[in-house]
Amino acid sequence: MSLTAAVTRAVSPAVQSIAAAMFDAANTGTADFIGQDLHRRDQSHAEIMACNSVVDLIESIPSDYRNVLADPLNALVQLVIKRANSQSTLAKWREHKAANTFPPHLRGSPPKVQLVAEVAGSDVARTCQSALESAFKDFQNSSLDASIAAKKDEVLALDRELSPEHAWTTLRAIVAAHSPSVLERNKLPVIATAANGAQSVTAWEVSAIARGIRDSVLEDCV
C-alpha cells in the first residue's frame, strides 16, 4: 500500500486496523524464503496499513522526512474529499438527466415576451410563447449535458492527481530533494589505525542506516 492509497483509506469512515493480522497471514510458513529487504518492505507497508488517520500516517514517517511530506499528504486529503464531492455531484446530475429534471443551477421559468393587448391571447402569441418554452427547454437540456461532461472531466482529472503514478512523481521528488541535507548530517567517521596503534579519522561516510531510511521512504511513496 502506498502513502497515496493510505491517505485515501485514512479518510474513509470504514477504516479498520488490520495490518498485524494481514502481515502474519501473508508470511506464515514463508519466513525462511523471504529476503531481509522484502521482509522490511512488507513490515513497512503493514505499518502504513495500520494507520487509522492521516495524522497517524504522518506520524509514522521517519522524523527526518515527516515535515516535508506532511503538507503534501494533507493536500492529498483535500483532493480525496473534493473527488468524493465531485463524484457525488456527477451522480446526482446523471439522475436528473434520467428523470428529465434539472439540478438547482439550471432550474427556472422560460422567458415571456410582452405583447400588445391586441396580440396577447391570439394564436400568434401562443405560437411565440411555445417557441420560447421549447428553446428554453433545449437550453436546459444542452446545459445539463455540458455540466455532466464538465463534472466527469473534473473527476477524471482528480483521479489522475490521486493516482499512484502521480504520487511517484510528486512525493519521491520531494524526498529526493530533501534527502541530501539529511544524509549530509548523518555521516560517520572512517577511522584508520596506524602501525603504532594510533587512530585517526581519514574520511566521513554517510550512515548506512540513514541511506536505508531514505530508500524506505522513497519506496513507501508508491
Protein backbone atom coordinates (compact mmCIF):
# COMPACT_ATOMS: atom_id res chain seq x y z
CA MET A 1 0.00 0.00 0.00
CA SER A 2 1.34 3.44 -0.95
CA LEU A 3 1.21 6.67 1.02
CA THR A 4 -1.38 7.90 -1.50
CA ALA A 5 -3.56 4.84 -1.07
CA ALA A 6 -3.18 5.12 2.69
CA VAL A 7 -4.39 8.72 2.58
CA THR A 8 -7.45 7.65 0.60
CA ARG A 9 -8.06 4.84 3.07
CA ALA A 10 -7.46 7.01 6.12
CA VAL A 11 -10.24 9.47 5.24
CA SER A 12 -12.73 6.62 4.85
CA PRO A 13 -15.14 6.10 7.80
CA ALA A 14 -14.72 2.34 7.41
CA VAL A 15 -11.03 2.20 8.28
CA GLN A 16 -10.01 -0.82 10.34
CA SER A 17 -6.64 -1.58 11.85
CA ILE A 18 -5.92 -4.94 10.21
CA ALA A 19 -2.19 -4.72 9.50
CA ALA A 20 -0.90 -7.21 12.05
CA ALA A 21 -3.26 -9.99 11.05
CA MET A 22 -2.60 -9.45 7.34
CA PHE A 23 1.15 -9.41 7.83
CA ASP A 24 1.10 -12.62 9.86
CA ALA A 25 -1.13 -14.37 7.34
CA ALA A 26 0.93 -13.24 4.36
CA ASN A 27 4.15 -14.57 5.85
CA THR A 28 3.02 -17.79 7.54
CA GLY A 29 5.34 -20.61 6.51
CA THR A 30 7.45 -18.40 4.24
CA ALA A 31 9.86 -16.77 6.69
CA ASP A 32 12.73 -18.98 5.57
CA PHE A 33 12.32 -17.80 1.98
CA ILE A 34 11.79 -14.09 2.38
CA GLY A 35 14.82 -11.88 1.96
CA GLN A 36 15.62 -9.27 4.54
CA ASP A 37 14.72 -6.40 2.20
CA LEU A 38 11.37 -7.93 1.27
CA HIS A 39 10.61 -8.54 4.92
CA ARG A 40 11.40 -4.91 5.76
CA ARG A 41 9.20 -3.69 2.92
CA ASP A 42 6.27 -5.85 3.99
CA GLN A 43 6.67 -4.67 7.57
CA SER A 44 6.78 -1.04 6.46
CA HIS A 45 3.65 -1.41 4.37
CA ALA A 46 1.89 -3.22 7.22
CA GLU A 47 2.65 -0.24 9.45
CA ILE A 48 1.17 2.12 6.85
CA MET A 49 -1.94 -0.04 6.65
CA ALA A 50 -2.31 0.17 10.42
CA CYS A 51 -2.81 3.93 10.28
CA ASN A 52 -6.39 4.94 11.06
CA SER A 53 -6.00 8.62 10.20
CA VAL A 54 -3.80 10.93 8.21
CA VAL A 55 -2.31 12.14 11.48
CA ASP A 56 -1.27 8.56 12.26
CA LEU A 57 0.17 8.21 8.77
CA ILE A 58 2.25 11.36 9.03
CA GLU A 59 3.48 10.35 12.48
CA SER A 60 4.64 7.02 11.06
CA ILE A 61 7.04 8.76 8.66
CA PRO A 62 10.66 8.93 9.88
CA SER A 63 11.25 12.27 11.58
CA ASP A 64 13.83 13.48 9.04
CA TYR A 65 11.19 13.40 6.30
CA ARG A 66 7.99 13.99 8.25
CA ASN A 67 7.82 17.77 7.93
CA VAL A 68 8.44 17.91 4.17
CA LEU A 69 5.78 15.26 3.48
CA ALA A 70 3.11 16.49 5.91
CA ASP A 71 1.75 19.30 3.74
CA PRO A 72 1.64 17.24 0.51
CA LEU A 73 -0.18 14.41 2.33
CA ASN A 74 -2.67 16.83 3.89
CA ALA A 75 -3.21 18.27 0.41
CA LEU A 76 -3.97 14.75 -0.81
CA VAL A 77 -6.66 14.50 1.87
CA GLN A 78 -8.33 17.59 0.46
CA LEU A 79 -8.15 16.12 -3.04
CA VAL A 80 -9.78 12.90 -1.82
CA ILE A 81 -12.61 14.91 -0.28
CA LYS A 82 -13.02 17.04 -3.42
CA ARG A 83 -13.04 13.93 -5.58
CA ALA A 84 -15.78 12.34 -3.47
CA ASN A 85 -17.86 15.52 -3.67
CA SER A 86 -17.38 15.77 -7.43
CA GLN A 87 -18.38 12.14 -7.94
CA SER A 88 -21.47 12.66 -5.79
CA THR A 89 -22.49 15.73 -7.80
CA LEU A 90 -21.93 13.88 -11.07
CA ALA A 91 -24.15 11.01 -9.90
CA LYS A 92 -26.94 13.44 -8.93
CA TRP A 93 -26.79 15.24 -12.27
CA ARG A 94 -26.98 11.91 -14.11
CA GLU A 95 -30.06 11.05 -12.05
CA HIS A 96 -31.62 14.37 -13.11
CA LYS A 97 -30.85 13.52 -16.74
CA ALA A 98 -32.53 10.12 -16.43
CA ALA A 99 -35.59 11.62 -14.70
CA ASN A 100 -35.85 14.55 -17.15
CA THR A 101 -35.42 17.04 -14.31
CA PHE A 102 -32.79 19.67 -13.63
CA PRO A 103 -30.36 20.49 -10.83
CA PRO A 104 -30.75 23.81 -8.98
CA HIS A 105 -28.33 25.75 -11.18
CA LEU A 106 -30.47 25.01 -14.26
CA ARG A 107 -33.96 25.44 -12.86
CA GLY A 108 -36.11 28.37 -13.87
CA SER A 109 -39.03 29.55 -15.93
CA PRO A 110 -38.95 30.22 -19.65
CA PRO A 111 -38.90 33.90 -20.62
CA LYS A 112 -42.07 35.69 -21.65
CA VAL A 113 -42.45 38.30 -24.35
CA GLN A 114 -44.60 41.32 -23.63
CA LEU A 115 -47.13 41.64 -26.43
CA VAL A 116 -49.65 44.39 -27.01
CA ALA A 117 -53.22 43.76 -25.93
CA GLU A 118 -54.38 43.28 -29.50
CA VAL A 119 -51.99 40.34 -29.99
CA ALA A 120 -51.93 38.80 -26.49
CA GLY A 121 -54.12 35.72 -26.36
CA SER A 122 -54.03 35.21 -30.09
CA ASP A 123 -52.61 32.26 -31.99
CA VAL A 124 -49.55 34.40 -32.75
CA ALA A 125 -48.95 34.94 -29.02
CA ARG A 126 -49.39 31.25 -28.22
CA THR A 127 -47.02 30.23 -31.02
CA CYS A 128 -44.45 32.75 -29.79
CA GLN A 129 -44.67 31.51 -26.19
CA SER A 130 -44.49 27.87 -27.27
CA ALA A 131 -41.31 28.58 -29.25
CA LEU A 132 -39.78 30.34 -26.24
CA GLU A 133 -40.59 27.42 -23.95
CA SER A 134 -39.17 24.89 -26.42
CA ALA A 135 -35.97 26.92 -26.86
CA PHE A 136 -35.62 27.27 -23.07
CA LYS A 137 -36.06 23.51 -22.57
CA ASP A 138 -33.43 22.84 -25.24
CA PHE A 139 -31.12 25.24 -23.44
CA GLN A 140 -31.66 23.43 -20.14
CA ASN A 141 -31.02 20.02 -21.70
CA SER A 142 -27.87 21.09 -23.53
CA SER A 143 -26.61 22.88 -20.42
CA LEU A 144 -27.19 19.76 -18.32
CA ASP A 145 -25.26 17.68 -20.86
CA ALA A 146 -22.40 20.19 -20.78
CA SER A 147 -22.47 20.26 -16.97
CA ILE A 148 -22.28 16.46 -16.78
CA ALA A 149 -19.38 16.38 -19.25
CA ALA A 150 -17.51 19.07 -17.29
CA LYS A 151 -18.02 17.30 -13.95
CA LYS A 152 -16.94 13.97 -15.48
CA ASP A 153 -13.73 15.61 -16.73
CA GLU A 154 -13.19 17.05 -13.25
CA VAL A 155 -13.48 13.61 -11.64
CA LEU A 156 -11.03 12.15 -14.17
CA ALA A 157 -8.59 14.99 -13.52
CA LEU A 158 -8.77 14.38 -9.76
CA ASP A 159 -8.27 10.66 -10.36
CA ARG A 160 -5.05 11.48 -12.19
CA GLU A 161 -3.92 13.69 -9.30
CA LEU A 162 -4.59 10.84 -6.86
CA SER A 163 -3.05 8.08 -8.97
CA PRO A 164 -0.01 6.11 -7.73
CA GLU A 165 1.88 7.31 -10.81
CA HIS A 166 1.40 10.94 -9.82
CA ALA A 167 2.38 10.14 -6.24
CA TRP A 168 5.55 8.51 -7.53
CA THR A 169 6.50 11.71 -9.35
CA THR A 170 5.44 14.18 -6.67
CA LEU A 171 6.31 12.58 -3.34
CA ARG A 172 9.54 10.95 -4.47
CA ALA A 173 10.71 14.28 -5.92
CA ILE A 174 10.15 15.89 -2.52
CA VAL A 175 12.07 13.15 -0.71
CA ALA A 176 14.88 13.15 -3.29
CA ALA A 177 15.31 16.92 -3.00
CA HIS A 178 15.34 16.82 0.80
CA SER A 179 17.48 13.73 1.34
CA PRO A 180 20.93 15.23 0.57
CA SER A 181 20.70 17.53 3.58
CA VAL A 182 19.59 14.60 5.74
CA LEU A 183 22.43 12.38 4.56
CA GLU A 184 24.94 15.19 5.00
CA ARG A 185 24.25 15.45 8.71
CA ASN A 186 24.20 11.69 9.20
CA LYS A 187 27.82 10.84 8.46
CA LEU A 188 30.09 8.55 10.43
CA PRO A 189 33.88 8.77 10.68
CA VAL A 190 36.13 6.34 8.86
CA ILE A 191 38.89 5.55 11.37
CA ALA A 192 42.29 4.23 10.42
CA THR A 193 44.71 2.63 12.86
CA ALA A 194 48.43 3.22 12.34
CA ALA A 195 51.14 0.63 12.97
CA ASN A 196 51.82 2.16 16.37
CA GLY A 197 48.16 1.82 17.34
CA ALA A 198 47.29 5.49 16.90
CA GLN A 199 43.87 6.12 15.38
CA SER A 200 42.80 8.96 13.11
CA VAL A 201 39.74 9.96 11.09
CA THR A 202 40.53 9.64 7.41
CA ALA A 203 37.10 10.35 5.95
CA TRP A 204 33.40 10.71 6.68
CA GLU A 205 30.82 8.46 5.06
CA VAL A 206 27.04 8.54 5.07
CA SER A 207 25.46 6.25 7.63
CA ALA A 208 24.06 3.08 6.10
CA ILE A 209 21.06 3.46 8.38
CA ALA A 210 20.38 6.96 7.01
CA ARG A 211 20.58 5.63 3.46
CA GLY A 212 18.26 2.79 4.37
CA ILE A 213 15.69 5.17 5.86
CA ARG A 214 15.83 7.34 2.74
CA ASP A 215 15.35 4.32 0.49
CA SER A 216 12.47 3.08 2.63
CA VAL A 217 10.69 6.43 2.46
CA LEU A 218 11.22 6.59 -1.31
CA GLU A 219 9.75 3.12 -1.67
CA ASP A 220 6.75 3.93 0.51
CA CYS A 221 5.87 6.84 -1.80
CA VAL A 222 4.40 4.28 -4.15
